[in-house]
């Protein structure tokens, strides 16, 4: 999951309205949400073992302000600052 974030931060991501993906292997499932607008914004949430999420349209309902310290979230360093701005 971290590799996707590194690629977005390095190369950016641009599309008309952003995009979401479900990334899964035999150990864990993540939703990653890339935002449009050229600001290299992204956030990811790890799903719980009994959690199901429909991804059309994809969403992450609530991102904790300290998400970078939370084991079930990853995201762009500037995500919260951009939201506040």
Protein backbone atom coordinates (compact mmCIF):
# COMPACT_ATOMS: atom_id res chain seq x y z
CA UNK A 1 0.00 0.00 0.00
CA UNK A 2 2.78 2.41 0.84
CA UNK A 3 4.23 2.01 -2.67
CA UNK A 4 1.10 3.56 -4.21
CA UNK A 5 1.45 6.57 -1.91
CA UNK A 6 5.13 6.94 -2.74
CA UNK A 7 4.36 6.91 -6.47
CA UNK A 8 1.62 9.53 -6.09
CA UNK A 9 3.91 11.74 -4.00
CA UNK A 10 6.76 11.38 -6.50
CA UNK A 11 4.87 11.64 -9.80
CA UNK A 12 1.51 13.14 -8.86
CA UNK A 13 -1.89 11.93 -9.88
CA UNK A 14 -4.30 13.74 -12.15
CA UNK A 15 -7.70 12.70 -13.36
CA UNK A 16 -10.97 14.58 -13.71
CA UNK A 17 -12.37 13.63 -10.29
CA UNK A 18 -10.01 11.36 -8.37
CA UNK A 19 -10.25 7.61 -8.04
CA UNK A 20 -10.49 4.82 -5.49
CA UNK A 21 -9.13 1.29 -5.51
CA UNK A 22 -9.41 -1.76 -3.31
CA UNK A 23 -5.98 -3.33 -2.80
CA UNK A 24 -6.01 -6.76 -1.19
CA UNK A 25 -3.87 -9.80 -0.54
CA UNK A 26 -4.33 -12.82 1.71
CA UNK A 27 -3.42 -10.77 4.82
CA UNK A 28 -5.11 -7.39 4.50
CA UNK A 29 -7.38 -5.13 2.44
CA UNK A 30 -6.92 -1.41 1.86
CA UNK A 31 -9.00 1.27 0.17
CA UNK A 32 -6.85 3.94 -1.44
CA UNK A 33 -8.36 7.21 -2.59
CA UNK A 34 -6.40 9.48 -4.93
CA UNK A 35 -7.63 13.03 -5.29
CA UNK A 36 -7.66 15.08 -8.49
CA UNK A 37 -6.26 18.58 -8.67
CA UNK A 38 -2.52 18.08 -8.88
CA UNK A 39 -1.84 18.44 -5.14
CA UNK A 40 -0.59 14.84 -4.70
CA UNK A 41 -3.32 14.11 -2.16
CA UNK A 42 -4.17 10.54 -1.22
CA UNK A 43 -5.44 8.60 1.77
CA UNK A 44 -5.81 4.89 2.48
CA UNK A 45 -7.79 2.95 5.06
CA UNK A 46 -7.24 -0.67 6.11
CA UNK A 47 -10.47 -2.65 6.29
CA UNK A 48 -11.19 -4.84 9.28
CA UNK A 49 -11.35 -8.65 8.96
CA UNK A 50 -15.17 -8.69 8.84
CA UNK A 51 -15.71 -5.42 6.97
CA UNK A 52 -17.20 -5.13 3.50
CA UNK A 53 -17.12 -1.94 1.44
CA UNK A 54 -18.77 -1.17 -1.90
CA UNK A 55 -16.44 0.97 -4.03
CA UNK A 56 -18.76 2.59 -6.52
CA UNK A 57 -18.22 5.38 -5.80
CA UNK A 58 -15.47 4.59 -3.36
CA UNK A 59 -15.16 6.41 -0.12
CA UNK A 60 -13.45 6.69 3.21
CA UNK A 61 -15.98 8.15 5.62
CA UNK A 62 -13.81 9.65 8.33
CA UNK A 63 -10.08 10.28 8.44
CA UNK A 64 -8.68 10.90 11.94
CA UNK A 65 -6.67 14.14 12.22
CA UNK A 66 -3.69 12.07 13.47
CA UNK A 67 -4.14 9.47 10.71
CA UNK A 68 -0.40 9.25 10.03
CA UNK A 69 0.05 7.76 13.53
CA UNK A 70 -2.90 5.36 13.15
CA UNK A 71 -2.07 1.77 12.04
CA UNK A 72 -5.18 1.55 9.83
CA UNK A 73 -4.58 4.74 7.83
CA UNK A 74 -1.92 6.10 5.47
CA UNK A 75 -1.91 9.22 3.38
CA UNK A 76 -0.27 12.31 2.01
CA UNK A 77 1.60 14.41 4.51
CA UNK A 78 -0.30 17.55 3.40
CA UNK A 79 -3.83 16.02 3.45
CA UNK A 80 -5.08 17.61 6.71
CA UNK A 81 -3.33 20.92 6.05
CA UNK A 82 -4.96 21.10 2.62
CA UNK A 83 -8.38 20.36 4.14
CA UNK A 84 -7.94 23.08 6.76
CA UNK A 85 -6.70 25.57 4.15
